[in-house]
Amino acid sequence: MNTELDLQLAVEADTPSKQDFQTWVDLANEQKQPASVCLRICSSNEIQTLNKTYRQKDKPTNVLSFAYTLEGDSPSPEDEPPHLGDIIICDDVVKQEACKQHKSKHDHYAHMVIHGMLHLQGYNHIQDDEARIMEAREVDLLRNLGIKNPYEEHNE
């Protein structure tokens, strides 16, 4: 499954390659048809503004996902795949968390992209049972990439 990826780099940062992002988006896309996703890498200020506006939390966060839903019955144009939504990732927060959690920034980016993609497809972690399902799916997808379970502590 090839997902159309609109990658936006709003900050100068040492990010994974576009091919890495594409691989992670494709891996986590559970749709049975082509789809599109916008992935934006941004600053702490930008994500803090979005987090405050949409989640009423006035602080930076690692990833935000905005699932796309059509109003009424208006379908996507026939020549375009359906848009799943937008994933916003803060490079500064990913870098800080990776260091604190003793993992590579690259692996943490993979986790954030997969986490965001699952949110776009209806996964959630508000309730404990939902969180267990979502985390298990994340761990499975990350394992396919050779990445350790991010929810377990690893001494390296």
N, C-alpha and C. Protein backbone atom coordinates (compact mmCIF):
# COMPACT_ATOMS: atom_id res chain seq x y z
N MET A 1 0.86 -1.18 0.00
CA MET A 1 0.00 0.00 0.00
C MET A 1 0.89 1.23 0.00
N ASN A 2 0.71 2.08 -0.94
CA ASN A 2 1.49 3.31 -1.00
C ASN A 2 0.60 4.49 -0.62
N THR A 3 0.95 5.15 0.44
CA THR A 3 0.21 6.30 0.93
C THR A 3 0.86 7.55 0.37
N GLU A 4 0.04 8.43 -0.18
CA GLU A 4 0.57 9.70 -0.68
C GLU A 4 0.94 10.56 0.52
N LEU A 5 2.21 10.92 0.62
CA LEU A 5 2.72 11.65 1.77
C LEU A 5 3.11 13.07 1.38
N ASP A 6 2.51 14.04 2.06
CA ASP A 6 2.90 15.44 1.93
C ASP A 6 3.75 15.77 3.15
N LEU A 7 5.07 15.76 2.99
CA LEU A 7 5.99 16.02 4.09
C LEU A 7 6.35 17.49 4.11
N GLN A 8 6.09 18.15 5.25
CA GLN A 8 6.39 19.57 5.42
C GLN A 8 7.40 19.74 6.55
N LEU A 9 8.54 20.31 6.22
CA LEU A 9 9.58 20.57 7.22
C LEU A 9 9.55 22.05 7.55
N ALA A 10 8.90 22.40 8.66
CA ALA A 10 8.74 23.80 9.05
C ALA A 10 9.90 24.30 9.90
N VAL A 11 10.83 23.42 10.22
CA VAL A 11 12.02 23.79 10.99
C VAL A 11 13.23 23.13 10.34
N GLU A 12 14.39 23.74 10.56
CA GLU A 12 15.63 23.11 10.13
C GLU A 12 16.02 22.14 11.22
N ALA A 13 16.05 20.87 10.87
CA ALA A 13 16.34 19.85 11.87
C ALA A 13 16.94 18.63 11.18
N ASP A 14 17.63 17.84 11.97
CA ASP A 14 18.18 16.58 11.48
C ASP A 14 17.08 15.52 11.62
N THR A 15 16.26 15.42 10.59
CA THR A 15 15.14 14.48 10.62
C THR A 15 15.46 13.25 9.79
N PRO A 16 14.69 12.19 10.00
CA PRO A 16 14.85 11.02 9.12
C PRO A 16 14.57 11.42 7.66
N SER A 17 14.91 10.53 6.76
CA SER A 17 14.72 10.81 5.33
C SER A 17 13.24 10.73 4.96
N LYS A 18 12.90 11.34 3.83
CA LYS A 18 11.52 11.25 3.35
C LYS A 18 11.15 9.79 3.13
N GLN A 19 12.10 8.98 2.66
CA GLN A 19 11.82 7.55 2.45
C GLN A 19 11.49 6.86 3.77
N ASP A 20 12.20 7.20 4.85
CA ASP A 20 11.87 6.63 6.16
C ASP A 20 10.45 7.00 6.57
N PHE A 21 10.12 8.29 6.45
CA PHE A 21 8.76 8.72 6.79
C PHE A 21 7.74 7.96 5.95
N GLN A 22 8.01 7.82 4.65
CA GLN A 22 7.10 7.11 3.75
C GLN A 22 6.92 5.66 4.19
N THR A 23 8.01 5.00 4.54
CA THR A 23 7.96 3.61 5.00
C THR A 23 7.08 3.48 6.23
N TRP A 24 7.25 4.37 7.19
CA TRP A 24 6.47 4.30 8.44
C TRP A 24 5.00 4.58 8.20
N VAL A 25 4.70 5.55 7.36
CA VAL A 25 3.30 5.88 7.04
C VAL A 25 2.65 4.69 6.34
N ASP A 26 3.34 4.12 5.35
CA ASP A 26 2.78 2.97 4.63
C ASP A 26 2.56 1.79 5.56
N LEU A 27 3.52 1.52 6.44
CA LEU A 27 3.41 0.40 7.36
C LEU A 27 2.18 0.53 8.26
N ALA A 28 1.92 1.73 8.73
CA ALA A 28 0.82 1.95 9.68
C ALA A 28 -0.53 2.19 9.00
N ASN A 29 -0.55 2.31 7.68
CA ASN A 29 -1.81 2.55 6.97
C ASN A 29 -2.58 1.24 6.86
N GLU A 30 -3.66 1.13 7.60
CA GLU A 30 -4.46 -0.09 7.61
C GLU A 30 -5.63 -0.02 6.62
N GLN A 31 -5.71 1.04 5.84
CA GLN A 31 -6.78 1.19 4.87
C GLN A 31 -6.59 0.16 3.75
N LYS A 32 -7.68 -0.25 3.14
CA LYS A 32 -7.62 -1.22 2.05
C LYS A 32 -7.54 -0.52 0.70
N GLN A 33 -7.29 0.77 0.72
CA GLN A 33 -7.22 1.56 -0.51
C GLN A 33 -6.17 2.64 -0.33
N PRO A 34 -5.71 3.23 -1.43
CA PRO A 34 -4.75 4.33 -1.31
C PRO A 34 -5.34 5.47 -0.48
N ALA A 35 -4.46 6.22 0.16
CA ALA A 35 -4.89 7.36 0.99
C ALA A 35 -3.77 8.39 0.98
N SER A 36 -4.08 9.58 1.47
CA SER A 36 -3.05 10.61 1.60
C SER A 36 -2.97 11.08 3.05
N VAL A 37 -1.78 11.56 3.41
CA VAL A 37 -1.51 12.06 4.76
C VAL A 37 -0.57 13.24 4.63
N CYS A 38 -0.80 14.26 5.47
CA CYS A 38 0.14 15.37 5.58
C CYS A 38 0.91 15.17 6.89
N LEU A 39 2.23 15.20 6.80
CA LEU A 39 3.10 15.06 7.97
C LEU A 39 3.95 16.32 8.06
N ARG A 40 3.79 17.06 9.16
CA ARG A 40 4.51 18.33 9.34
C ARG A 40 5.44 18.22 10.54
N ILE A 41 6.70 18.58 10.33
CA ILE A 41 7.69 18.64 11.40
C ILE A 41 7.82 20.10 11.78
N CYS A 42 7.57 20.41 13.06
CA CYS A 42 7.47 21.82 13.45
C CYS A 42 8.27 22.15 14.71
N SER A 43 8.18 23.41 15.10
CA SER A 43 8.86 23.93 16.29
C SER A 43 8.02 23.71 17.54
N SER A 44 8.65 23.92 18.68
CA SER A 44 7.95 23.85 19.97
C SER A 44 6.84 24.90 20.05
N ASN A 45 7.13 26.10 19.56
CA ASN A 45 6.12 27.17 19.61
C ASN A 45 4.88 26.81 18.80
N GLU A 46 5.09 26.28 17.60
CA GLU A 46 3.95 25.93 16.75
C GLU A 46 3.10 24.84 17.37
N ILE A 47 3.73 23.78 17.87
CA ILE A 47 2.94 22.69 18.42
C ILE A 47 2.28 23.10 19.74
N GLN A 48 2.93 23.98 20.51
CA GLN A 48 2.32 24.47 21.74
C GLN A 48 1.05 25.25 21.42
N THR A 49 1.09 26.08 20.39
CA THR A 49 -0.09 26.83 19.98
C THR A 49 -1.21 25.89 19.56
N LEU A 50 -0.89 24.88 18.78
CA LEU A 50 -1.90 23.90 18.35
C LEU A 50 -2.44 23.11 19.54
N ASN A 51 -1.56 22.71 20.45
CA ASN A 51 -1.97 21.95 21.62
C ASN A 51 -2.91 22.77 22.51
N LYS A 52 -2.61 24.05 22.65
CA LYS A 52 -3.46 24.94 23.45
C LYS A 52 -4.81 25.15 22.75
N THR A 53 -4.78 25.36 21.45
CA THR A 53 -6.01 25.63 20.70
C THR A 53 -6.94 24.43 20.66
N TYR A 54 -6.40 23.25 20.40
CA TYR A 54 -7.24 22.07 20.17
C TYR A 54 -7.36 21.12 21.35
N ARG A 55 -6.44 21.20 22.33
CA ARG A 55 -6.51 20.29 23.47
C ARG A 55 -6.53 21.03 24.80
N GLN A 56 -6.50 22.36 24.76
CA GLN A 56 -6.49 23.19 25.95
C GLN A 56 -5.33 22.85 26.89
N LYS A 57 -4.20 22.48 26.30
CA LYS A 57 -2.98 22.20 27.07
C LYS A 57 -1.91 23.15 26.57
N ASP A 58 -1.51 24.08 27.43
CA ASP A 58 -0.58 25.14 27.03
C ASP A 58 0.87 24.71 27.23
N LYS A 59 1.28 23.70 26.47
CA LYS A 59 2.66 23.21 26.52
C LYS A 59 2.94 22.45 25.23
N PRO A 60 4.22 22.36 24.88
CA PRO A 60 4.57 21.57 23.70
C PRO A 60 4.28 20.09 23.94
N THR A 61 4.06 19.35 22.89
CA THR A 61 3.86 17.91 22.96
C THR A 61 4.62 17.27 21.81
N ASN A 62 4.74 15.95 21.82
CA ASN A 62 5.53 15.29 20.79
C ASN A 62 4.79 15.17 19.46
N VAL A 63 3.52 14.79 19.50
CA VAL A 63 2.78 14.57 18.26
C VAL A 63 1.31 14.92 18.46
N LEU A 64 0.73 15.51 17.44
CA LEU A 64 -0.71 15.77 17.38
C LEU A 64 -1.23 15.20 16.07
N SER A 65 -2.42 14.64 16.11
CA SER A 65 -3.04 14.09 14.90
C SER A 65 -4.42 14.71 14.73
N PHE A 66 -4.71 15.06 13.50
CA PHE A 66 -6.00 15.65 13.16
C PHE A 66 -6.61 14.82 12.03
N ALA A 67 -7.55 13.95 12.40
CA ALA A 67 -8.20 13.10 11.41
C ALA A 67 -9.11 13.95 10.53
N TYR A 68 -9.12 13.64 9.26
CA TYR A 68 -9.93 14.38 8.29
C TYR A 68 -11.28 13.70 8.16
N THR A 69 -12.33 14.47 8.32
CA THR A 69 -13.67 13.95 8.09
C THR A 69 -14.38 14.89 7.14
N LEU A 70 -15.10 14.31 6.20
CA LEU A 70 -15.84 15.11 5.23
C LEU A 70 -17.15 15.59 5.83
N GLU A 71 -17.48 16.82 5.54
CA GLU A 71 -18.77 17.36 5.96
C GLU A 71 -19.83 16.89 4.98
N GLY A 72 -20.95 16.42 5.49
CA GLY A 72 -22.04 15.99 4.61
C GLY A 72 -21.63 14.79 3.78
N ASP A 73 -22.10 14.77 2.55
CA ASP A 73 -21.83 13.64 1.67
C ASP A 73 -20.85 13.97 0.56
N SER A 74 -20.09 15.05 0.70
CA SER A 74 -19.19 15.44 -0.39
C SER A 74 -17.98 14.50 -0.43
N PRO A 75 -17.85 13.72 -1.50
CA PRO A 75 -16.73 12.79 -1.60
C PRO A 75 -15.44 13.49 -2.02
N SER A 76 -14.33 12.79 -1.85
CA SER A 76 -13.06 13.30 -2.35
C SER A 76 -13.11 13.30 -3.87
N PRO A 77 -12.37 14.21 -4.50
CA PRO A 77 -12.32 14.17 -5.96
C PRO A 77 -11.88 12.79 -6.44
N GLU A 78 -12.44 12.34 -7.56
CA GLU A 78 -12.18 10.98 -8.04
C GLU A 78 -10.71 10.71 -8.32
N ASP A 79 -9.97 11.74 -8.71
CA ASP A 79 -8.57 11.53 -9.06
C ASP A 79 -7.62 11.65 -7.86
N GLU A 80 -8.16 11.83 -6.67
CA GLU A 80 -7.33 11.96 -5.47
C GLU A 80 -7.69 10.89 -4.46
N PRO A 81 -6.67 10.32 -3.78
CA PRO A 81 -6.99 9.34 -2.73
C PRO A 81 -7.62 10.06 -1.54
N PRO A 82 -8.42 9.35 -0.75
CA PRO A 82 -9.01 9.99 0.43
C PRO A 82 -7.92 10.46 1.40
N HIS A 83 -8.12 11.63 1.99
CA HIS A 83 -7.15 12.20 2.92
C HIS A 83 -7.47 11.71 4.33
N LEU A 84 -6.53 10.99 4.95
CA LEU A 84 -6.73 10.49 6.31
C LEU A 84 -6.64 11.61 7.33
N GLY A 85 -5.73 12.57 7.11
CA GLY A 85 -5.59 13.67 8.05
C GLY A 85 -4.17 14.17 8.11
N ASP A 86 -3.89 14.94 9.17
CA ASP A 86 -2.60 15.60 9.34
C ASP A 86 -1.95 15.13 10.64
N ILE A 87 -0.65 14.90 10.57
CA ILE A 87 0.15 14.55 11.74
C ILE A 87 1.18 15.66 11.91
N ILE A 88 1.24 16.23 13.11
CA ILE A 88 2.20 17.29 13.42
C ILE A 88 3.16 16.74 14.48
N ILE A 89 4.45 16.77 14.18
CA ILE A 89 5.46 16.27 15.11
C ILE A 89 6.43 17.39 15.45
N CYS A 90 6.73 17.54 16.73
CA CYS A 90 7.67 18.57 17.19
C CYS A 90 9.07 17.97 17.30
N ASP A 91 9.97 18.45 16.46
CA ASP A 91 11.34 17.93 16.46
C ASP A 91 12.03 18.11 17.81
N ASP A 92 11.88 19.27 18.44
CA ASP A 92 12.53 19.51 19.73
C ASP A 92 12.08 18.51 20.80
N VAL A 93 10.79 18.25 20.86
CA VAL A 93 10.27 17.33 21.87
C VAL A 93 10.72 15.90 21.57
N VAL A 94 10.69 15.50 20.30
CA VAL A 94 11.16 14.16 19.94
C VAL A 94 12.62 13.99 20.33
N LYS A 95 13.44 15.00 20.06
CA LYS A 95 14.87 14.94 20.40
C LYS A 95 15.05 14.82 21.92
N GLN A 96 14.33 15.63 22.70
CA GLN A 96 14.45 15.59 24.16
C GLN A 96 13.99 14.25 24.72
N GLU A 97 12.84 13.76 24.23
CA GLU A 97 12.32 12.49 24.73
C GLU A 97 13.24 11.33 24.38
N ALA A 98 13.77 11.33 23.17
CA ALA A 98 14.68 10.25 22.76
C ALA A 98 15.90 10.19 23.68
N CYS A 99 16.45 11.35 23.99
CA CYS A 99 17.61 11.41 24.88
C CYS A 99 17.24 10.92 26.28
N LYS A 100 16.14 11.40 26.80
CA LYS A 100 15.69 11.03 28.15
C LYS A 100 15.37 9.54 28.25
N GLN A 101 14.82 8.98 27.16
CA GLN A 101 14.41 7.57 27.16
C GLN A 101 15.50 6.63 26.63
N HIS A 102 16.68 7.17 26.37
CA HIS A 102 17.84 6.38 25.92
C HIS A 102 17.53 5.58 24.65
N LYS A 103 16.95 6.26 23.67
CA LYS A 103 16.68 5.63 22.39
C LYS A 103 17.12 6.57 21.29
N SER A 104 17.24 6.05 20.10
CA SER A 104 17.66 6.92 19.00
C SER A 104 16.51 7.83 18.58
N LYS A 105 16.88 9.00 18.12
CA LYS A 105 15.89 9.96 17.62
C LYS A 105 15.14 9.34 16.44
N HIS A 106 15.85 8.61 15.60
CA HIS A 106 15.26 7.95 14.44
C HIS A 106 14.15 6.99 14.87
N ASP A 107 14.43 6.13 15.86
CA ASP A 107 13.43 5.18 16.35
C ASP A 107 12.25 5.90 16.99
N HIS A 108 12.52 6.98 17.69
CA HIS A 108 11.43 7.71 18.34
C HIS A 108 10.54 8.38 17.28
N TYR A 109 11.15 8.89 16.23
CA TYR A 109 10.37 9.43 15.11
C TYR A 109 9.46 8.35 14.52
N ALA A 110 10.00 7.15 14.32
CA ALA A 110 9.19 6.04 13.79
C ALA A 110 7.97 5.81 14.68
N HIS A 111 8.20 5.81 15.99
CA HIS A 111 7.10 5.60 16.94
C HIS A 111 6.06 6.71 16.83
N MET A 112 6.51 7.96 16.75
CA MET A 112 5.58 9.08 16.68
C MET A 112 4.75 9.06 15.39
N VAL A 113 5.37 8.70 14.27
CA VAL A 113 4.64 8.61 13.01
C VAL A 113 3.60 7.50 13.08
N ILE A 114 3.99 6.34 13.58
CA ILE A 114 3.05 5.22 13.71
C ILE A 114 1.93 5.58 14.67
N HIS A 115 2.27 6.19 15.79
CA HIS A 115 1.27 6.62 16.77
C HIS A 115 0.26 7.57 16.12
N GLY A 116 0.77 8.56 15.39
CA GLY A 116 -0.10 9.51 14.72
C GLY A 116 -0.97 8.86 13.67
N MET A 117 -0.40 7.94 12.89
CA MET A 117 -1.17 7.24 11.86
C MET A 117 -2.31 6.43 12.47
N LEU A 118 -2.04 5.78 13.58
CA LEU A 118 -3.10 4.99 14.22
C LEU A 118 -4.22 5.90 14.71
N HIS A 119 -3.89 7.06 15.25
CA HIS A 119 -4.93 8.02 15.64
C HIS A 119 -5.79 8.41 14.45
N LEU A 120 -5.18 8.64 13.29
CA LEU A 120 -5.94 9.03 12.10
C LEU A 120 -6.92 7.95 11.67
N GLN A 121 -6.67 6.72 12.10
CA GLN A 121 -7.51 5.60 11.70
C GLN A 121 -8.44 5.13 12.83
N GLY A 122 -8.59 5.98 13.85
CA GLY A 122 -9.58 5.70 14.88
C GLY A 122 -9.07 5.11 16.17
N TYR A 123 -7.79 4.80 16.26
CA TYR A 123 -7.24 4.29 17.52
C TYR A 123 -7.18 5.43 18.53
N ASN A 124 -7.28 5.07 19.81
CA ASN A 124 -7.25 6.07 20.86
C ASN A 124 -6.63 5.47 22.11
N HIS A 125 -6.31 6.32 23.06
CA HIS A 125 -5.75 5.83 24.33
C HIS A 125 -6.34 6.57 25.52
N ILE A 126 -7.58 6.99 25.39
CA ILE A 126 -8.25 7.68 26.49
C ILE A 126 -8.63 6.69 27.59
N GLN A 127 -9.23 5.59 27.20
CA GLN A 127 -9.60 4.54 28.14
C GLN A 127 -8.49 3.49 28.18
N ASP A 128 -8.33 2.82 29.32
CA ASP A 128 -7.26 1.83 29.48
C ASP A 128 -7.33 0.72 28.44
N ASP A 129 -8.54 0.21 28.17
CA ASP A 129 -8.65 -0.89 27.20
C ASP A 129 -8.28 -0.42 25.80
N GLU A 130 -8.66 0.81 25.44
CA GLU A 130 -8.27 1.37 24.14
C GLU A 130 -6.76 1.56 24.08
N ALA A 131 -6.17 2.02 25.17
CA ALA A 131 -4.72 2.24 25.22
C ALA A 131 -3.97 0.93 25.02
N ARG A 132 -4.44 -0.15 25.64
CA ARG A 132 -3.78 -1.45 25.49
C ARG A 132 -3.81 -1.91 24.03
N ILE A 133 -4.94 -1.71 23.38
CA ILE A 133 -5.08 -2.11 21.97
C ILE A 133 -4.14 -1.28 21.09
N MET A 134 -4.14 0.03 21.31
CA MET A 134 -3.30 0.91 20.50
C MET A 134 -1.82 0.63 20.73
N GLU A 135 -1.42 0.50 21.99
CA GLU A 135 -0.02 0.23 22.30
C GLU A 135 0.44 -1.10 21.72
N ALA A 136 -0.42 -2.11 21.78
CA ALA A 136 -0.06 -3.42 21.22
C ALA A 136 0.16 -3.31 19.72
N ARG A 137 -0.67 -2.54 19.05
CA ARG A 137 -0.51 -2.36 17.60
C ARG A 137 0.78 -1.60 17.29
N GLU A 138 1.07 -0.56 18.07
CA GLU A 138 2.32 0.19 17.90
C GLU A 138 3.53 -0.73 18.08
N VAL A 139 3.53 -1.50 19.14
CA VAL A 139 4.65 -2.40 19.44
C VAL A 139 4.85 -3.40 18.30
N ASP A 140 3.75 -3.94 17.77
CA ASP A 140 3.82 -4.90 16.67
C ASP A 140 4.43 -4.26 15.42
N LEU A 141 3.95 -3.06 15.07
CA LEU A 141 4.47 -2.37 13.89
C LEU A 141 5.94 -2.00 14.07
N LEU A 142 6.30 -1.52 15.25
CA LEU A 142 7.70 -1.16 15.51
C LEU A 142 8.60 -2.39 15.48
N ARG A 143 8.09 -3.52 15.96
CA ARG A 143 8.86 -4.77 15.92
C ARG A 143 9.18 -5.14 14.47
N ASN A 144 8.23 -4.89 13.56
CA ASN A 144 8.48 -5.15 12.14
C ASN A 144 9.64 -4.33 11.60
N LEU A 145 9.93 -3.22 12.25
CA LEU A 145 11.04 -2.35 11.85
C LEU A 145 12.32 -2.64 12.63
N GLY A 146 12.26 -3.63 13.54
CA GLY A 146 13.41 -3.94 14.37
C GLY A 146 13.60 -2.98 15.53
N ILE A 147 12.52 -2.31 15.94
CA ILE A 147 12.57 -1.33 17.02
C ILE A 147 11.95 -1.94 18.28
N LYS A 148 12.65 -1.78 19.40
CA LYS A 148 12.19 -2.33 20.67
C LYS A 148 10.89 -1.67 21.15
N ASN A 149 10.20 -2.38 22.03
CA ASN A 149 8.97 -1.88 22.64
C ASN A 149 9.25 -0.55 23.35
N PRO A 150 8.62 0.54 22.91
CA PRO A 150 8.90 1.84 23.53
C PRO A 150 8.27 2.01 24.90
N TYR A 151 7.40 1.08 25.28
CA TYR A 151 6.72 1.20 26.57
C TYR A 151 7.44 0.43 27.67
N GLU A 152 8.54 -0.24 27.32
CA GLU A 152 9.37 -0.93 28.31
C GLU A 152 10.67 -0.16 28.47
N GLU A 153 11.22 -0.19 29.66
CA GLU A 153 12.51 0.47 29.88
C GLU A 153 13.61 -0.46 29.37
N HIS A 154 14.56 0.14 28.68
CA HIS A 154 15.69 -0.62 28.14
C HIS A 154 16.97 0.01 28.64
N ASN A 155 17.80 -0.79 29.23
CA ASN A 155 19.11 -0.29 29.67
C ASN A 155 20.13 -0.62 28.58
N GLU A 156 20.75 0.42 28.05
CA GLU A 156 21.69 0.20 26.95
C GLU A 156 23.07 0.57 27.36
